[in-house]
Protein backbone atom coordinates (compact mmCIF):
# COMPACT_ATOMS: atom_id res chain seq x y z
CA UNK A 1 93.29 142.73 95.21
CA UNK A 2 90.27 142.65 92.90
CA UNK A 3 92.24 140.68 90.34
CA UNK A 4 93.16 138.07 92.98
CA UNK A 5 89.51 137.75 94.02
CA UNK A 6 88.44 137.26 90.41
CA UNK A 7 91.20 134.68 89.84
CA UNK A 8 90.15 132.79 93.00
CA UNK A 9 86.52 132.83 91.87
CA UNK A 10 87.41 131.52 88.41
CA UNK A 11 89.57 128.74 89.88
CA UNK A 12 86.86 127.76 92.37
CA UNK A 13 84.21 127.78 89.63
CA UNK A 14 86.39 125.56 87.43
CA UNK A 15 86.84 123.06 90.27
CA UNK A 16 83.09 122.99 90.92
CA UNK A 17 82.37 122.40 87.23
CA UNK A 18 84.88 119.57 87.16
CA UNK A 19 83.31 117.88 90.16
CA UNK A 20 79.78 117.97 88.73
CA UNK A 21 80.69 116.92 85.20
CA UNK A 22 79.31 113.41 85.83
CA UNK A 23 76.72 111.95 88.18
CA UNK A 24 77.43 113.15 91.73
CA UNK A 25 78.98 110.75 94.21
CA UNK A 26 76.69 109.05 96.71
CA UNK A 27 76.72 110.41 100.26
CA UNK A 28 75.49 107.18 101.88
CA UNK A 29 75.79 103.43 101.39
CA UNK A 30 72.84 103.27 99.02
CA UNK A 31 69.73 105.12 97.89
CA UNK A 32 67.34 102.78 96.10
CA UNK A 33 65.19 104.84 93.74
CA UNK A 34 61.54 105.29 94.60
CA UNK A 35 60.25 105.29 91.01
CA UNK A 36 56.69 105.91 92.20
CA UNK A 37 57.46 109.12 94.06
CA UNK A 38 56.06 112.39 92.78
CA UNK A 39 59.00 114.30 94.26
CA UNK A 40 61.18 115.90 91.58
CA UNK A 41 64.91 115.86 92.31
CA UNK A 42 68.09 115.51 90.24
CA UNK A 43 67.88 111.73 90.22
CA UNK A 44 65.31 109.89 92.31
CA UNK A 45 64.37 110.07 96.01
CA UNK A 46 65.30 107.10 98.22
CA UNK A 47 62.71 104.54 99.24
CA UNK A 48 62.54 103.05 102.71
CA UNK A 49 61.87 99.36 102.09
CA UNK A 50 64.79 97.73 100.24
CA UNK A 51 64.70 94.25 98.70
CA UNK A 52 67.36 92.26 96.77
CA UNK A 53 65.46 92.66 93.51
CA UNK A 54 66.16 96.41 93.69
CA UNK A 55 69.70 95.49 92.60
CA UNK A 56 68.79 92.78 90.09
CA UNK A 57 67.86 92.64 86.38
CA UNK A 58 67.89 89.64 84.04
CA UNK A 59 66.92 91.49 80.88
CA UNK A 60 70.32 91.38 79.18
CA UNK A 61 70.63 87.61 79.06
CA UNK A 62 68.81 87.02 75.77
CA UNK A 63 68.75 88.80 72.39
CA UNK A 64 65.90 91.20 71.72
CA UNK A 65 63.70 90.77 68.64
CA UNK A 66 64.95 93.06 65.87
CA UNK A 67 62.34 92.26 63.22
CA UNK A 68 59.85 94.82 64.56
CA UNK A 69 62.32 97.68 64.38
CA UNK A 70 62.72 99.81 61.24
CA UNK A 71 66.44 100.29 61.99
CA UNK A 72 67.10 96.62 62.64
CA UNK A 73 68.62 97.37 66.05
CA UNK A 74 67.12 97.18 69.53
CA UNK A 75 68.53 98.65 72.74
CA UNK A 76 67.70 96.97 76.06
CA UNK A 77 68.67 99.37 78.87
CA UNK A 78 69.75 98.31 82.33
CA UNK A 79 69.59 101.74 83.96
CA UNK A 80 68.12 103.09 87.18
CA UNK A 81 64.61 102.72 85.78
CA UNK A 82 65.21 98.96 85.51
CA UNK A 83 67.52 98.59 88.52
CA UNK A 84 66.43 101.09 91.21
CA UNK A 85 69.50 100.25 93.30
CA UNK A 86 71.68 102.06 90.74
CA UNK A 87 70.34 105.38 92.03
CA UNK A 88 73.34 107.63 92.95
CA UNK A 89 75.88 105.01 91.77
CA UNK A 90 76.66 106.79 88.49
CA UNK A 91 76.74 103.58 86.40
CA UNK A 92 74.45 101.61 84.10
CA UNK A 93 74.56 99.07 81.30
CA UNK A 94 72.66 98.01 78.23
CA UNK A 95 72.50 95.46 75.47
CA UNK A 96 72.16 96.25 71.78
CA UNK A 97 71.08 93.62 69.27
CA UNK A 98 71.44 94.12 65.51
CA UNK A 99 69.83 92.26 62.64
CA UNK A 100 72.04 91.68 59.58
CA UNK A 101 72.47 95.16 58.12
CA UNK A 102 70.89 96.71 61.20
CA UNK A 103 72.00 100.14 62.38
CA UNK A 104 71.86 101.96 65.70
CA UNK A 105 71.50 105.36 64.00
CA UNK A 106 73.47 108.50 64.88
CA UNK A 107 72.61 109.54 68.43
CA UNK A 108 74.10 111.06 71.57
CA UNK A 109 74.11 110.33 75.30
CA UNK A 110 74.08 113.78 76.91
CA UNK A 111 74.91 112.50 80.39
CA UNK A 112 77.44 109.70 79.81
CA UNK A 113 80.43 108.31 78.01
CA UNK A 114 79.91 104.79 76.68
CA UNK A 115 82.06 101.71 76.15
CA UNK A 116 80.85 98.64 74.26
CA UNK A 117 82.01 95.01 74.25
CA UNK A 118 81.13 92.95 71.17
CA UNK A 119 79.42 89.69 72.13
CA UNK A 120 78.78 88.42 68.61
CA UNK A 121 79.20 89.54 65.03
CA UNK A 122 81.05 92.33 63.27
CA UNK A 123 80.19 96.03 63.55
CA UNK A 124 81.24 99.27 61.93
CA UNK A 125 81.23 101.91 64.68
CA UNK A 126 82.22 105.53 64.95
CA UNK A 127 81.78 108.92 66.55
CA UNK A 128 82.11 112.46 65.21
CA UNK A 129 84.10 115.15 67.00
CA UNK A 130 82.98 118.77 67.31
CA UNK A 131 85.47 119.50 64.51
CA UNK A 132 83.42 117.12 62.30
CA UNK A 133 86.15 114.47 62.25
CA UNK A 134 84.88 110.88 62.01
CA UNK A 135 86.66 108.37 64.26
CA UNK A 136 85.58 104.90 63.09
CA UNK A 137 86.62 101.27 63.44
CA UNK A 138 85.50 97.79 62.40
CA UNK A 139 84.90 95.64 65.48
CA UNK A 140 84.80 91.88 65.84
CA UNK A 141 83.74 89.52 68.63
CA UNK A 142 85.58 90.35 71.85
CA UNK A 143 86.54 93.90 70.79
CA UNK A 144 85.93 97.01 72.90
CA UNK A 145 85.29 100.58 71.72
CA UNK A 146 84.60 103.82 73.62
CA UNK A 147 82.37 106.77 72.71
CA UNK A 148 83.01 110.14 74.43
CA UNK A 149 80.21 111.84 76.33
CA UNK A 150 77.78 113.86 74.24
CA UNK A 151 79.33 113.16 70.83
CA UNK A 152 77.20 111.84 67.96
CA UNK A 153 77.98 108.15 67.35
CA UNK A 154 76.59 105.05 65.65
CA UNK A 155 76.98 101.30 65.16
CA UNK A 156 76.13 99.25 62.05
CA UNK A 157 76.08 95.50 61.50
CA UNK A 158 77.73 94.97 58.12
CA UNK A 159 77.60 91.19 58.44
CA UNK A 160 75.14 88.57 57.24
CA UNK A 161 74.43 87.28 60.75
CA UNK A 162 73.02 88.97 63.87
CA UNK A 163 75.36 90.93 66.13
CA UNK A 164 75.16 92.08 69.75
CA UNK A 165 77.08 94.18 72.25
CA UNK A 166 77.05 94.97 75.95
CA UNK A 167 77.33 98.69 76.68
CA UNK A 168 78.46 100.37 79.91
CA UNK A 169 77.84 104.01 80.91
CA UNK A 170 79.15 106.31 83.62
CA UNK A 171 75.65 107.53 84.48
CA UNK A 172 72.66 105.86 86.09
CA UNK A 173 70.47 107.33 83.32
CA UNK A 174 72.59 108.33 80.30
CA UNK A 175 69.72 109.58 78.15
CA UNK A 176 69.60 108.96 74.41
CA UNK A 177 68.74 111.46 71.69
CA UNK A 178 68.42 110.12 68.15
CA UNK A 179 69.53 112.84 65.75
CA UNK A 180 67.06 112.03 62.97
CA UNK A 181 64.00 111.68 65.22
CA UNK A 182 64.93 114.77 67.24
CA UNK A 183 64.87 116.82 64.06
CA UNK A 184 62.03 115.19 62.14
CA UNK A 185 59.73 113.70 64.78
CA UNK A 186 59.76 116.20 67.65
CA UNK A 187 56.55 117.37 69.31
CA UNK A 188 55.81 120.19 68.60
CA UNK A 189 57.55 119.82 65.23
CA UNK A 190 60.66 121.75 64.29
CA UNK A 191 59.39 124.42 61.85
CA UNK A 192 59.76 123.48 58.19
CA UNK A 193 61.56 126.73 57.38
CA UNK A 194 64.27 125.81 59.91
CA UNK A 195 64.76 122.37 58.35
CA UNK A 196 64.62 123.60 54.75
CA UNK A 197 67.23 126.24 55.59
CA UNK A 198 69.46 123.80 57.48
CA UNK A 199 69.37 120.98 54.92
CA UNK A 200 68.86 123.04 51.74
CA UNK A 201 65.81 120.96 50.84
CA UNK A 202 62.32 121.92 49.72
CA UNK A 203 59.23 121.66 51.93
CA UNK A 204 57.97 118.58 50.07
CA UNK A 205 61.23 116.75 50.72
CA UNK A 206 61.20 117.75 54.39
CA UNK A 207 57.59 116.57 54.81
CA UNK A 208 58.44 113.29 53.07
CA UNK A 209 61.21 112.68 55.59
CA UNK A 210 58.93 113.66 58.49
CA UNK A 211 56.31 111.17 57.31
CA UNK A 212 58.87 108.36 57.58
CA UNK A 213 59.45 109.08 61.28
CA UNK A 214 55.99 110.18 62.36
CA UNK A 215 54.77 108.35 65.52
CA UNK A 216 52.58 105.35 64.70
CA UNK A 217 49.03 105.56 66.06
């Protein structure tokens, strides 16, 4: 009897985990995010007064300036913080613009899978599995590529002209964690002895890397 109870619990727990693996489904027609609320919930509380602009954003129409970015790539998000009406919908978009040679460096989206559509240019893209296998592809205008949730991935413009993509996510707020800045520009800083041990580098080399990614005052 005890074994059956344990088996039932495990099965139920597995089903629950499966159902909460992505953003939860909405339980009403809409819930426009109140971005000014001080209430802390898993998402955003609903506001009372809804207007059409809660569901509108024009920020993906034009390329972003890439000349002020050290990586030569700029991400323009169209998530719940830009479109409050996306609250509880479990979707969002973005645009990424790349200068010639620009790179969207290795990063992860902890809350979403991603699919990109190439608007212009040619890109080298890829993601790395937990077995450290690189899955990569050269993309051209009109191509589509998918990145699994949580896996480290990147895009690089290998061409001599600007490139751009539209990205779609299965989360209203996918989150982005850049690997290099997470390790070398966190606050408080990751201890040097952790980084020297992990990368087999000396303290001077670690501090030189940190100085490259230190926040600008």
